[in-house]
């Protein structure tokens, strides 16, 4: 469902992102805490990671492999979101992303559909 929605939005959504000017500057720690709280409160993040594990891990896998996968996903997420925060805080990088946003959304939609199809058609 998320993949189809991304493909639809890539075709129909305006490519411009409204950027509000921040009236009060946040400290890096306040920004990190706000981002962490937002991500933890978003059930889609947990469902996305759970779907990745369901689609890629074999049934009967040892618990230590699952725990290692969770640790790796946490590390990847921290690095990725840190990179995005730094990169998109620069106006020129945000403008480049705005131009490529439809392509990025369409590619993500195709990837999500692929994961969903793999999960739907996998033999249990």
PDB file of N, CA and C in Angstrom:
ATOM      1  N   UNK A   1       0.817  -1.192   0.000  1.00  0.00           N
ATOM      2  CA  UNK A   1       0.000   0.000   0.000  1.00  0.00           C
ATOM      3  C   UNK A   1       0.863   1.259   0.000  1.00  0.00           C
ATOM      4  N   UNK A   2       1.940   1.264   0.827  1.00  0.00           N
ATOM      5  CA  UNK A   2       2.818   2.428   0.901  1.00  0.00           C
ATOM      6  C   UNK A   2       3.521   2.658  -0.430  1.00  0.00           C
ATOM      7  N   UNK A   3       3.901   1.563  -1.103  1.00  0.00           N
ATOM      8  CA  UNK A   3       4.563   1.696  -2.393  1.00  0.00           C
ATOM      9  C   UNK A   3       3.672   2.329  -3.437  1.00  0.00           C
ATOM     10  N   UNK A   4       2.417   1.894  -3.496  1.00  0.00           N
ATOM     11  CA  UNK A   4       1.470   2.471  -4.445  1.00  0.00           C
ATOM     12  C   UNK A   4       1.205   3.942  -4.136  1.00  0.00           C
ATOM     13  N   UNK A   5       1.116   4.248  -2.854  1.00  0.00           N
ATOM     14  CA  UNK A   5       0.885   5.645  -2.461  1.00  0.00           C
ATOM     15  C   UNK A   5       2.070   6.525  -2.878  1.00  0.00           C
ATOM     16  N   UNK A   6       3.300   6.029  -2.684  1.00  0.00           N
ATOM     17  CA  UNK A   6       4.465   6.810  -3.098  1.00  0.00           C
ATOM     18  C   UNK A   6       4.484   7.032  -4.604  1.00  0.00           C
ATOM     19  N   UNK A   7       4.133   5.985  -5.369  1.00  0.00           N
ATOM     20  CA  UNK A   7       4.083   6.150  -6.820  1.00  0.00           C
ATOM     21  C   UNK A   7       3.020   7.178  -7.219  1.00  0.00           C
ATOM     22  N   UNK A   8       1.843   7.125  -6.575  1.00  0.00           N
ATOM     23  CA  UNK A   8       0.789   8.087  -6.867  1.00  0.00           C
ATOM     24  C   UNK A   8       1.240   9.501  -6.523  1.00  0.00           C
ATOM     25  N   UNK A   9       1.843   9.664  -5.337  1.00  0.00           N
ATOM     26  CA  UNK A   9       2.290  10.989  -4.913  1.00  0.00           C
ATOM     27  C   UNK A   9       3.402  11.521  -5.806  1.00  0.00           C
ATOM     28  N   UNK A  10       4.275  10.633  -6.275  1.00  0.00           N
ATOM     29  CA  UNK A  10       5.356  11.065  -7.154  1.00  0.00           C
ATOM     30  C   UNK A  10       4.800  11.679  -8.436  1.00  0.00           C
ATOM     31  N   UNK A  11       3.665  11.176  -8.863  1.00  0.00           N
ATOM     32  CA  UNK A  11       3.065  11.673 -10.106  1.00  0.00           C
ATOM     33  C   UNK A  11       2.172  12.895  -9.885  1.00  0.00           C
ATOM     34  N   UNK A  12       1.496  12.975  -8.742  1.00  0.00           N
ATOM     35  CA  UNK A  12       0.466  14.002  -8.552  1.00  0.00           C
ATOM     36  C   UNK A  12       0.823  15.114  -7.578  1.00  0.00           C
ATOM     37  N   UNK A  13       1.794  14.931  -6.735  1.00  0.00           N
ATOM     38  CA  UNK A  13       2.109  15.931  -5.713  1.00  0.00           C
ATOM     39  C   UNK A  13       2.968  17.040  -6.314  1.00  0.00           C
ATOM     40  N   UNK A  14       2.798  18.236  -5.778  1.00  0.00           N
ATOM     41  CA  UNK A  14       3.667  19.340  -6.172  1.00  0.00           C
ATOM     42  C   UNK A  14       5.079  19.020  -5.728  1.00  0.00           C
ATOM     43  N   UNK A  15       6.059  19.414  -6.523  1.00  0.00           N
ATOM     44  CA  UNK A  15       7.440  19.083  -6.199  1.00  0.00           C
ATOM     45  C   UNK A  15       8.047  20.053  -5.189  1.00  0.00           C
ATOM     46  N   UNK A  16       7.395  21.162  -4.957  1.00  0.00           N
ATOM     47  CA  UNK A  16       7.938  22.136  -4.003  1.00  0.00           C
ATOM     48  C   UNK A  16       7.607  21.746  -2.573  1.00  0.00           C
ATOM     49  N   UNK A  17       8.578  21.901  -1.703  1.00  0.00           N
ATOM     50  CA  UNK A  17       8.402  21.638  -0.282  1.00  0.00           C
ATOM     51  C   UNK A  17       8.362  22.993   0.419  1.00  0.00           C
ATOM     52  N   UNK A  18       7.346  23.199   1.210  1.00  0.00           N
ATOM     53  CA  UNK A  18       7.251  24.448   1.961  1.00  0.00           C
ATOM     54  C   UNK A  18       8.247  24.407   3.112  1.00  0.00           C
ATOM     55  N   UNK A  19       9.159  25.363   3.119  1.00  0.00           N
ATOM     56  CA  UNK A  19      10.158  25.440   4.172  1.00  0.00           C
ATOM     57  C   UNK A  19       9.852  26.670   5.006  1.00  0.00           C
ATOM     58  N   UNK A  20       9.554  26.421   6.268  1.00  0.00           N
ATOM     59  CA  UNK A  20       9.250  27.527   7.171  1.00  0.00           C
ATOM     60  C   UNK A  20      10.548  28.031   7.787  1.00  0.00           C
ATOM     61  N   UNK A  21      10.596  29.322   7.981  1.00  0.00           N
ATOM     62  CA  UNK A  21      11.731  29.891   8.684  1.00  0.00           C
ATOM     63  C   UNK A  21      11.562  29.625  10.172  1.00  0.00           C
ATOM     64  N   UNK A  22      12.601  29.176  10.809  1.00  0.00           N
ATOM     65  CA  UNK A  22      12.555  28.853  12.223  1.00  0.00           C
ATOM     66  C   UNK A  22      12.700  30.139  13.031  1.00  0.00           C
ATOM     67  N   UNK A  23      11.701  30.444  13.843  1.00  0.00           N
ATOM     68  CA  UNK A  23      11.735  31.676  14.630  1.00  0.00           C
ATOM     69  C   UNK A  23      12.703  31.575  15.806  1.00  0.00           C
ATOM     70  N   UNK A  24      12.808  30.398  16.391  1.00  0.00           N
ATOM     71  CA  UNK A  24      13.733  30.204  17.502  1.00  0.00           C
ATOM     72  C   UNK A  24      14.665  29.049  17.171  1.00  0.00           C
ATOM     73  N   UNK A  25      15.944  29.298  17.198  1.00  0.00           N
ATOM     74  CA  UNK A  25      16.908  28.258  16.836  1.00  0.00           C
ATOM     75  C   UNK A  25      16.939  27.176  17.912  1.00  0.00           C
ATOM     76  N   UNK A  26      16.989  25.941  17.470  1.00  0.00           N
ATOM     77  CA  UNK A  26      17.109  24.815  18.389  1.00  0.00           C
ATOM     78  C   UNK A  26      18.579  24.493  18.591  1.00  0.00           C
ATOM     79  N   UNK A  27      18.900  24.048  19.776  1.00  0.00           N
ATOM     80  CA  UNK A  27      20.249  23.542  19.985  1.00  0.00           C
ATOM     81  C   UNK A  27      20.334  22.180  19.289  1.00  0.00           C
ATOM     82  N   UNK A  28      21.520  21.711  18.974  1.00  0.00           N
ATOM     83  CA  UNK A  28      21.623  20.383  18.358  1.00  0.00           C
ATOM     84  C   UNK A  28      20.971  19.288  19.204  1.00  0.00           C
ATOM     85  N   UNK A  29      21.085  19.357  20.522  1.00  0.00           N
ATOM     86  CA  UNK A  29      20.481  18.344  21.390  1.00  0.00           C
ATOM     87  C   UNK A  29      18.954  18.421  21.338  1.00  0.00           C
ATOM     88  N   UNK A  30      18.395  19.629  21.319  1.00  0.00           N
ATOM     89  CA  UNK A  30      16.940  19.770  21.208  1.00  0.00           C
ATOM     90  C   UNK A  30      16.441  19.227  19.873  1.00  0.00           C
ATOM     91  N   UNK A  31      17.161  19.503  18.808  1.00  0.00           N
ATOM     92  CA  UNK A  31      16.777  18.999  17.495  1.00  0.00           C
ATOM     93  C   UNK A  31      16.849  17.479  17.465  1.00  0.00           C
ATOM     94  N   UNK A  32      17.900  16.913  18.058  1.00  0.00           N
ATOM     95  CA  UNK A  32      18.041  15.454  18.100  1.00  0.00           C
ATOM     96  C   UNK A  32      16.911  14.828  18.903  1.00  0.00           C
ATOM     97  N   UNK A  33      16.595  15.407  20.064  1.00  0.00           N
ATOM     98  CA  UNK A  33      15.521  14.879  20.895  1.00  0.00           C
ATOM     99  C   UNK A  33      14.174  14.960  20.175  1.00  0.00           C
ATOM    100  N   UNK A  34      13.919  16.045  19.468  1.00  0.00           N
ATOM    101  CA  UNK A  34      12.670  16.190  18.735  1.00  0.00           C
ATOM    102  C   UNK A  34      12.594  15.146  17.613  1.00  0.00           C
ATOM    103  N   UNK A  35      13.683  14.956  16.902  1.00  0.00           N
ATOM    104  CA  UNK A  35      13.709  13.959  15.836  1.00  0.00           C
ATOM    105  C   UNK A  35      13.530  12.552  16.364  1.00  0.00           C
ATOM    106  N   UNK A  36      14.179  12.239  17.481  1.00  0.00           N
ATOM    107  CA  UNK A  36      14.050  10.917  18.087  1.00  0.00           C
ATOM    108  C   UNK A  36      12.610  10.677  18.536  1.00  0.00           C
ATOM    109  N   UNK A  37      12.020  11.649  19.214  1.00  0.00           N
ATOM    110  CA  UNK A  37      10.638  11.495  19.683  1.00  0.00           C
ATOM    111  C   UNK A  37       9.678  11.332  18.505  1.00  0.00           C
ATOM    112  N   UNK A  38       9.893  12.096  17.442  1.00  0.00           N
ATOM    113  CA  UNK A  38       9.038  11.992  16.263  1.00  0.00           C
ATOM    114  C   UNK A  38       9.143  10.609  15.638  1.00  0.00           C
ATOM    115  N   UNK A  39      10.360  10.107  15.502  1.00  0.00           N
ATOM    116  CA  UNK A  39      10.572   8.800  14.880  1.00  0.00           C
ATOM    117  C   UNK A  39      10.014   7.678  15.748  1.00  0.00           C
ATOM    118  N   UNK A  40      10.210   7.758  17.047  1.00  0.00           N
ATOM    119  CA  UNK A  40       9.698   6.716  17.938  1.00  0.00           C
ATOM    120  C   UNK A  40       8.176   6.723  18.013  1.00  0.00           C
ATOM    121  N   UNK A  41       7.576   7.893  17.828  1.00  0.00           N
ATOM    122  CA  UNK A  41       6.117   7.994  17.885  1.00  0.00           C
ATOM    123  C   UNK A  41       5.453   7.614  16.554  1.00  0.00           C
ATOM    124  N   UNK A  42       6.252   7.370  15.535  1.00  0.00           N
ATOM    125  CA  UNK A  42       5.715   7.056  14.214  1.00  0.00           C
ATOM    126  C   UNK A  42       5.637   5.539  14.045  1.00  0.00           C
ATOM    127  N   UNK A  43       4.448   4.967  14.066  1.00  0.00           N
ATOM    128  CA  UNK A  43       4.340   3.511  13.932  1.00  0.00           C
ATOM    129  C   UNK A  43       4.783   3.000  12.567  1.00  0.00           C
ATOM    130  N   UNK A  44       4.781   3.874  11.553  1.00  0.00           N
ATOM    131  CA  UNK A  44       5.196   3.424  10.226  1.00  0.00           C
ATOM    132  C   UNK A  44       6.660   3.002  10.220  1.00  0.00           C
ATOM    133  N   UNK A  45       7.504   3.662  11.012  1.00  0.00           N
ATOM    134  CA  UNK A  45       8.919   3.292  11.068  1.00  0.00           C
ATOM    135  C   UNK A  45       9.078   1.867  11.589  1.00  0.00           C
ATOM    136  N   UNK A  46       8.398   1.555  12.673  1.00  0.00           N
ATOM    137  CA  UNK A  46       8.491   0.209  13.247  1.00  0.00           C
ATOM    138  C   UNK A  46       7.923  -0.828  12.292  1.00  0.00           C
ATOM    139  N   UNK A  47       6.809  -0.511  11.638  1.00  0.00           N
ATOM    140  CA  UNK A  47       6.201  -1.450  10.695  1.00  0.00           C
ATOM    141  C   UNK A  47       7.095  -1.654   9.472  1.00  0.00           C
ATOM    142  N   UNK A  48       7.748  -0.603   9.026  1.00  0.00           N
ATOM    143  CA  UNK A  48       8.655  -0.721   7.885  1.00  0.00           C
ATOM    144  C   UNK A  48       9.811  -1.662   8.220  1.00  0.00           C
ATOM    145  N   UNK A  49      10.433  -1.466   9.377  1.00  0.00           N
ATOM    146  CA  UNK A  49      11.553  -2.325   9.780  1.00  0.00           C
ATOM    147  C   UNK A  49      11.069  -3.754   9.982  1.00  0.00           C
ATOM    148  N   UNK A  50       9.916  -3.925  10.606  1.00  0.00           N
ATOM    149  CA  UNK A  50       9.380  -5.272  10.805  1.00  0.00           C
ATOM    150  C   UNK A  50       9.108  -5.954   9.469  1.00  0.00           C
ATOM    151  N   UNK A  51       8.619  -5.213   8.480  1.00  0.00           N
ATOM    152  CA  UNK A  51       8.358  -5.814   7.170  1.00  0.00           C
ATOM    153  C   UNK A  51       9.652  -6.201   6.474  1.00  0.00           C
ATOM    154  N   UNK A  52      10.695  -5.418   6.671  1.00  0.00           N
ATOM    155  CA  UNK A  52      11.989  -5.792   6.098  1.00  0.00           C
ATOM    156  C   UNK A  52      12.488  -7.102   6.692  1.00  0.00           C
ATOM    157  N   UNK A  53      12.380  -7.236   8.012  1.00  0.00           N
ATOM    158  CA  UNK A  53      12.805  -8.484   8.655  1.00  0.00           C
ATOM    159  C   UNK A  53      11.944  -9.646   8.201  1.00  0.00           C
ATOM    160  N   UNK A  54      10.646  -9.437   8.108  1.00  0.00           N
ATOM    161  CA  UNK A  54       9.750 -10.518   7.692  1.00  0.00           C
ATOM    162  C   UNK A  54      10.047 -10.965   6.267  1.00  0.00           C
ATOM    163  N   UNK A  55      10.428 -10.026   5.416  1.00  0.00           N
ATOM    164  CA  UNK A  55      10.676 -10.358   4.013  1.00  0.00           C
ATOM    165  C   UNK A  55      12.053 -10.964   3.778  1.00  0.00           C
ATOM    166  N   UNK A  56      12.999 -10.705   4.653  1.00  0.00           N
ATOM    167  CA  UNK A  56      14.372 -11.128   4.359  1.00  0.00           C
ATOM    168  C   UNK A  56      14.925 -12.214   5.275  1.00  0.00           C
ATOM    169  N   UNK A  57      14.380 -12.395   6.456  1.00  0.00           N
ATOM    170  CA  UNK A  57      14.919 -13.408   7.367  1.00  0.00           C
ATOM    171  C   UNK A  57      14.178 -14.732   7.199  1.00  0.00           C
ATOM    172  N   UNK A  58      14.929 -15.801   7.253  1.00  0.00           N
ATOM    173  CA  UNK A  58      14.345 -17.133   7.109  1.00  0.00           C
ATOM    174  C   UNK A  58      13.587 -17.524   8.372  1.00  0.00           C
ATOM    175  N   UNK A  59      12.515 -18.308   8.219  1.00  0.00           N
ATOM    176  CA  UNK A  59      11.822 -18.819   9.401  1.00  0.00           C
ATOM    177  C   UNK A  59      12.775 -19.703  10.215  1.00  0.00           C
ATOM    178  N   UNK A  60      12.679 -19.640  11.528  1.00  0.00           N
ATOM    179  CA  UNK A  60      13.526 -20.448  12.393  1.00  0.00           C
ATOM    180  C   UNK A  60      14.919 -19.870  12.603  1.00  0.00           C
ATOM    181  N   UNK A  61      15.123 -18.642  12.196  1.00  0.00           N
ATOM    182  CA  UNK A  61      16.434 -18.002  12.381  1.00  0.00           C
ATOM    183  C   UNK A  61      16.714 -17.834  13.869  1.00  0.00           C
ATOM    184  N   UNK A  62      17.980 -17.957  14.265  1.00  0.00           N
ATOM    185  CA  UNK A  62      18.336 -17.820  15.691  1.00  0.00           C
ATOM    186  C   UNK A  62      18.058 -16.393  16.165  1.00  0.00           C
ATOM    187  N   UNK A  63      17.684 -16.257  17.434  1.00  0.00           N
ATOM    188  CA  UNK A  63      17.317 -14.951  17.983  1.00  0.00           C
ATOM    189  C   UNK A  63      18.485 -13.979  17.918  1.00  0.00           C
ATOM    190  N   UNK A  64      19.709 -14.481  18.017  1.00  0.00           N
ATOM    191  CA  UNK A  64      20.882 -13.607  17.998  1.00  0.00           C
ATOM    192  C   UNK A  64      21.010 -12.908  16.637  1.00  0.00           C
ATOM    193  N   UNK A  65      20.587 -13.601  15.579  1.00  0.00           N
ATOM    194  CA  UNK A  65      20.620 -12.969  14.258  1.00  0.00           C
ATOM    195  C   UNK A  65      19.602 -11.831  14.178  1.00  0.00           C
ATOM    196  N   UNK A  66      18.441 -12.036  14.757  1.00  0.00           N
ATOM    197  CA  UNK A  66      17.441 -10.971  14.804  1.00  0.00           C
ATOM    198  C   UNK A  66      17.925  -9.783  15.621  1.00  0.00           C
ATOM    199  N   UNK A  67      18.557 -10.064  16.765  1.00  0.00           N
ATOM    200  CA  UNK A  67      19.086  -8.988  17.608  1.00  0.00           C
ATOM    201  C   UNK A  67      20.199  -8.229  16.887  1.00  0.00           C
ATOM    202  N   UNK A  68      21.049  -8.963  16.175  1.00  0.00           N
ATOM    203  CA  UNK A  68      22.111  -8.308  15.405  1.00  0.00           C
ATOM    204  C   UNK A  68      21.502  -7.449  14.294  1.00  0.00           C
ATOM    205  N   UNK A  69      20.443  -7.954  13.666  1.00  0.00           N
ATOM    206  CA  UNK A  69      19.766  -7.178  12.633  1.00  0.00           C
ATOM    207  C   UNK A  69      19.179  -5.885  13.179  1.00  0.00           C
ATOM    208  N   UNK A  70      18.590  -5.958  14.355  1.00  0.00           N
ATOM    209  CA  UNK A  70      18.036  -4.756  14.986  1.00  0.00           C
ATOM    210  C   UNK A  70      19.154  -3.760  15.294  1.00  0.00           C
ATOM    211  N   UNK A  71      20.277  -4.237  15.816  1.00  0.00           N
ATOM    212  CA  UNK A  71      21.408  -3.353  16.123  1.00  0.00           C
ATOM    213  C   UNK A  71      21.946  -2.689  14.855  1.00  0.00           C
ATOM    214  N   UNK A  72      22.059  -3.463  13.792  1.00  0.00           N
ATOM    215  CA  UNK A  72      22.536  -2.912  12.520  1.00  0.00           C
ATOM    216  C   UNK A  72      21.550  -1.874  11.997  1.00  0.00           C
ATOM    217  N   UNK A  73      20.247  -2.166  12.063  1.00  0.00           N
ATOM    218  CA  UNK A  73      19.243  -1.209  11.598  1.00  0.00           C
ATOM    219  C   UNK A  73      19.288   0.088  12.416  1.00  0.00           C
ATOM    220  N   UNK A  74      19.516  -0.027  13.708  1.00  0.00           N
ATOM    221  CA  UNK A  74      19.611   1.176  14.543  1.00  0.00           C
ATOM    222  C   UNK A  74      20.825   2.013  14.135  1.00  0.00           C
ATOM    223  N   UNK A  75      21.955   1.343  13.891  1.00  0.00           N
ATOM    224  CA  UNK A  75      23.165   2.062  13.489  1.00  0.00           C
ATOM    225  C   UNK A  75      22.975   2.722  12.122  1.00  0.00           C
ATOM    226  N   UNK A  76      22.405   1.983  11.176  1.00  0.00           N
ATOM    227  CA  UNK A  76      22.158   2.539   9.846  1.00  0.00           C
ATOM    228  C   UNK A  76      21.212   3.729   9.936  1.00  0.00           C
ATOM    229  N   UNK A  77      20.152   3.601  10.730  1.00  0.00           N
ATOM    230  CA  UNK A  77      19.188   4.695  10.880  1.00  0.00           C
ATOM    231  C   UNK A  77      19.851   5.930  11.474  1.00  0.00           C
ATOM    232  N   UNK A  78      20.673   5.745  12.491  1.00  0.00           N
ATOM    233  CA  UNK A  78      21.341   6.889  13.122  1.00  0.00           C
ATOM    234  C   UNK A  78      22.252   7.605  12.122  1.00  0.00           C
ATOM    235  N   UNK A  79      23.013   6.840  11.365  1.00  0.00           N
ATOM    236  CA  UNK A  79      23.909   7.442  10.379  1.00  0.00           C
ATOM    237  C   UNK A  79      23.100   8.122   9.268  1.00  0.00           C
ATOM    238  N   UNK A  80      22.071   7.436   8.767  1.00  0.00           N
ATOM    239  CA  UNK A  80      21.274   7.984   7.666  1.00  0.00           C
ATOM    240  C   UNK A  80      20.555   9.259   8.070  1.00  0.00           C
ATOM    241  N   UNK A  81      19.852   9.231   9.201  1.00  0.00           N
ATOM    242  CA  UNK A  81      19.116  10.425   9.610  1.00  0.00           C
ATOM    243  C   UNK A  81      20.058  11.565   9.996  1.00  0.00           C
ATOM    244  N   UNK A  82      21.204  11.240  10.555  1.00  0.00           N
ATOM    245  CA  UNK A  82      22.202  12.271  10.839  1.00  0.00           C
ATOM    246  C   UNK A  82      22.705  12.916   9.554  1.00  0.00           C
ATOM    247  N   UNK A  83      22.985  12.071   8.551  1.00  0.00           N
ATOM    248  CA  UNK A  83      23.423  12.590   7.253  1.00  0.00           C
ATOM    249  C   UNK A  83      22.345  13.480   6.629  1.00  0.00           C
ATOM    250  N   UNK A  84      21.090  13.013   6.649  1.00  0.00           N
ATOM    251  CA  UNK A  84      20.007  13.817   6.076  1.00  0.00           C
ATOM    252  C   UNK A  84      19.854  15.157   6.782  1.00  0.00           C
ATOM    253  N   UNK A  85      19.939  15.128   8.104  1.00  0.00           N
ATOM    254  CA  UNK A  85      19.798  16.379   8.862  1.00  0.00           C
ATOM    255  C   UNK A  85      20.901  17.368   8.490  1.00  0.00           C
ATOM    256  N   UNK A  86      22.123  16.873   8.383  1.00  0.00           N
ATOM    257  CA  UNK A  86      23.229  17.762   8.015  1.00  0.00           C
ATOM    258  C   UNK A  86      23.105  18.232   6.567  1.00  0.00           C
ATOM    259  N   UNK A  87      22.826  17.302   5.668  1.00  0.00           N
ATOM    260  CA  UNK A  87      22.778  17.657   4.248  1.00  0.00           C
ATOM    261  C   UNK A  87      21.632  18.606   3.936  1.00  0.00           C
ATOM    262  N   UNK A  88      20.434  18.295   4.434  1.00  0.00           N
ATOM    263  CA  UNK A  88      19.272  19.101   4.072  1.00  0.00           C
ATOM    264  C   UNK A  88      19.157  20.392   4.872  1.00  0.00           C
ATOM    265  N   UNK A  89      20.069  20.601   5.810  1.00  0.00           N
ATOM    266  CA  UNK A  89      20.078  21.880   6.514  1.00  0.00           C
ATOM    267  C   UNK A  89      20.741  22.964   5.661  1.00  0.00           C
ATOM    268  N   UNK A  90      21.364  22.554   4.581  1.00  0.00           N
ATOM    269  CA  UNK A  90      21.950  23.514   3.636  1.00  0.00           C
ATOM    270  C   UNK A  90      20.961  23.755   2.503  1.00  0.00           C
ATOM    271  N   UNK A  91      20.706  25.013   2.224  1.00  0.00           N
ATOM    272  CA  UNK A  91      19.689  25.377   1.241  1.00  0.00           C
ATOM    273  C   UNK A  91      19.965  24.759  -0.126  1.00  0.00           C
ATOM    274  N   UNK A  92      21.210  24.725  -0.571  1.00  0.00           N
ATOM    275  CA  UNK A  92      21.505  24.185  -1.905  1.00  0.00           C
ATOM    276  C   UNK A  92      21.178  22.694  -1.985  1.00  0.00           C
ATOM    277  N   UNK A  93      21.467  21.936  -0.927  1.00  0.00           N
ATOM    278  CA  UNK A  93      21.143  20.506  -0.917  1.00  0.00           C
ATOM    279  C   UNK A  93      19.635  20.301  -0.883  1.00  0.00           C
ATOM    280  N   UNK A  94      18.919  21.129  -0.144  1.00  0.00           N
ATOM    281  CA  UNK A  94      17.461  21.021  -0.088  1.00  0.00           C
ATOM    282  C   UNK A  94      16.855  21.320  -1.455  1.00  0.00           C
ATOM    283  N   UNK A  95      17.419  22.265  -2.203  1.00  0.00           N
ATOM    284  CA  UNK A  95      16.910  22.585  -3.533  1.00  0.00           C
ATOM    285  C   UNK A  95      17.146  21.428  -4.509  1.00  0.00           C
ATOM    286  N   UNK A  96      18.313  20.781  -4.411  1.00  0.00           N
ATOM    287  CA  UNK A  96      18.598  19.618  -5.262  1.00  0.00           C
ATOM    288  C   UNK A  96      17.603  18.506  -4.956  1.00  0.00           C
ATOM    289  N   UNK A  97      17.338  18.277  -3.674  1.00  0.00           N
ATOM    290  CA  UNK A  97      16.367  17.236  -3.306  1.00  0.00           C
ATOM    291  C   UNK A  97      14.977  17.570  -3.846  1.00  0.00           C
ATOM    292  N   UNK A  98      14.582  18.830  -3.766  1.00  0.00           N
ATOM    293  CA  UNK A  98      13.263  19.220  -4.275  1.00  0.00           C
ATOM    294  C   UNK A  98      13.127  18.879  -5.752  1.00  0.00           C
ATOM    295  N   UNK A  99      14.201  19.077  -6.508  1.00  0.00           N
ATOM    296  CA  UNK A  99      14.157  18.779  -7.938  1.00  0.00           C
ATOM    297  C   UNK A  99      14.073  17.280  -8.194  1.00  0.00           C
ATOM    298  N   UNK A 100      14.697  16.469  -7.336  1.00  0.00           N
ATOM    299  CA  UNK A 100      14.747  15.016  -7.538  1.00  0.00           C
ATOM    300  C   UNK A 100      13.679  14.268  -6.752  1.00  0.00           C
ATOM    301  N   UNK A 101      12.843  14.972  -6.035  1.00  0.00           N
ATOM    302  CA  UNK A 101      11.908  14.340  -5.107  1.00  0.00           C
ATOM    303  C   UNK A 101      10.962  13.356  -5.783  1.00  0.00           C
ATOM    304  N   UNK A 102      10.427  13.689  -6.918  1.00  0.00           N
ATOM    305  CA  UNK A 102       9.492  12.783  -7.592  1.00  0.00           C
ATOM    306  C   UNK A 102      10.172  11.477  -7.985  1.00  0.00           C
ATOM    307  N   UNK A 103      11.388  11.576  -8.473  1.00  0.00           N
ATOM    308  CA  UNK A 103      12.131  10.366  -8.859  1.00  0.00           C
ATOM    309  C   UNK A 103      12.439   9.525  -7.622  1.00  0.00           C
ATOM    310  N   UNK A 104      12.855  10.176  -6.550  1.00  0.00           N
ATOM    311  CA  UNK A 104      13.157   9.464  -5.308  1.00  0.00           C
ATOM    312  C   UNK A 104      11.907   8.763  -4.776  1.00  0.00           C
ATOM    313  N   UNK A 105      10.779   9.454  -4.764  1.00  0.00           N
ATOM    314  CA  UNK A 105       9.523   8.853  -4.295  1.00  0.00           C
ATOM    315  C   UNK A 105       9.112   7.678  -5.175  1.00  0.00           C
ATOM    316  N   UNK A 106       9.253   7.821  -6.481  1.00  0.00           N
ATOM    317  CA  UNK A 106       8.881   6.733  -7.393  1.00  0.00           C
ATOM    318  C   UNK A 106       9.779   5.513  -7.169  1.00  0.00           C
ATOM    319  N   UNK A 107      11.082   5.730  -7.005  1.00  0.00           N
ATOM    320  CA  UNK A 107      11.999   4.604  -6.767  1.00  0.00           C
ATOM    321  C   UNK A 107      11.679   3.918  -5.446  1.00  0.00           C
ATOM    322  N   UNK A 108      11.401   4.696  -4.412  1.00  0.00           N
ATOM    323  CA  UNK A 108      11.044   4.114  -3.116  1.00  0.00           C
ATOM    324  C   UNK A 108       9.740   3.329  -3.230  1.00  0.00           C
ATOM    325  N   UNK A 109       8.785   3.835  -3.995  1.00  0.00           N
ATOM    326  CA  UNK A 109       7.530   3.122  -4.199  1.00  0.00           C
ATOM    327  C   UNK A 109       7.744   1.774  -4.859  1.00  0.00           C
ATOM    328  N   UNK A 110       8.595   1.728  -5.869  1.00  0.00           N
ATOM    329  CA  UNK A 110       8.890   0.464  -6.559  1.00  0.00           C
ATOM    330  C   UNK A 110       9.569  -0.519  -5.603  1.00  0.00           C
ATOM    331  N   UNK A 111      10.486  -0.021  -4.798  1.00  0.00           N
ATOM    332  CA  UNK A 111      11.182  -0.891  -3.835  1.00  0.00           C
ATOM    333  C   UNK A 111      10.190  -1.447  -2.816  1.00  0.00           C
ATOM    334  N   UNK A 112       9.305  -0.606  -2.287  1.00  0.00           N
ATOM    335  CA  UNK A 112       8.305  -1.076  -1.321  1.00  0.00           C
ATOM    336  C   UNK A 112       7.388  -2.119  -1.944  1.00  0.00           C
ATOM    337  N   UNK A 113       6.969  -1.876  -3.186  1.00  0.00           N
ATOM    338  CA  UNK A 113       6.116  -2.856  -3.867  1.00  0.00           C
ATOM    339  C   UNK A 113       6.868  -4.171  -4.032  1.00  0.00           C
ATOM    340  N   UNK A 114       8.143  -4.104  -4.347  1.00  0.00           N
ATOM    341  CA  UNK A 114       8.955  -5.320  -4.472  1.00  0.00           C
ATOM    342  C   UNK A 114       9.032  -6.104  -3.176  1.00  0.00           C
ATOM    343  N   UNK A 115       9.287  -5.420  -2.069  1.00  0.00           N
ATOM    344  CA  UNK A 115       9.311  -6.091  -0.765  1.00  0.00           C
ATOM    345  C   UNK A 115       7.948  -6.702  -0.443  1.00  0.00           C
ATOM    346  N   UNK A 116       6.886  -5.951  -0.718  1.00  0.00           N
ATOM    347  CA  UNK A 116       5.547  -6.459  -0.453  1.00  0.00           C
ATOM    348  C   UNK A 116       5.230  -7.695  -1.286  1.00  0.00           C
ATOM    349  N   UNK A 117       5.632  -7.654  -2.569  1.00  0.00           N
ATOM    350  CA  UNK A 117       5.394  -8.806  -3.446  1.00  0.00           C
ATOM    351  C   UNK A 117       6.185 -10.016  -2.979  1.00  0.00           C
ATOM    352  N   UNK A 118       7.427  -9.803  -2.552  1.00  0.00           N
ATOM    353  CA  UNK A 118       8.243 -10.914  -2.052  1.00  0.00           C
ATOM    354  C   UNK A 118       7.591 -11.535  -0.827  1.00  0.00           C
ATOM    355  N   UNK A 119       7.111 -10.695   0.062  1.00  0.00           N
ATOM    356  CA  UNK A 119       6.450 -11.195   1.259  1.00  0.00           C
ATOM    357  C   UNK A 119       5.137 -11.896   0.912  1.00  0.00           C
ATOM    358  N   UNK A 120       4.365 -11.343   0.008  1.00  0.00           N
ATOM    359  CA  UNK A 120       3.066 -11.919  -0.338  1.00  0.00           C
ATOM    360  C   UNK A 120       3.197 -13.266  -1.052  1.00  0.00           C
ATOM    361  N   UNK A 121       4.220 -13.420  -1.855  1.00  0.00           N
ATOM    362  CA  UNK A 121       4.359 -14.637  -2.644  1.00  0.00           C
ATOM    363  C   UNK A 121       5.376 -15.619  -2.092  1.00  0.00           C
ATOM    364  N   UNK A 122       5.913 -15.343  -0.911  1.00  0.00           N
ATOM    365  CA  UNK A 122       6.897 -16.262  -0.331  1.00  0.00           C
ATOM    366  C   UNK A 122       6.192 -17.518   0.203  1.00  0.00           C
ATOM    367  N   UNK A 123       6.892 -18.619   0.137  1.00  0.00           N
ATOM    368  CA  UNK A 123       6.376 -19.888   0.647  1.00  0.00           C
ATOM    369  C   UNK A 123       6.658 -19.967   2.136  1.00  0.00           C
ATOM    370  N   UNK A 124       5.659 -20.249   2.937  1.00  0.00           N
ATOM    371  CA  UNK A 124       5.846 -20.327   4.393  1.00  0.00           C
ATOM    372  C   UNK A 124       6.107 -21.723   4.798  1.00  0.00           C
TER     373      UNK A 124
END
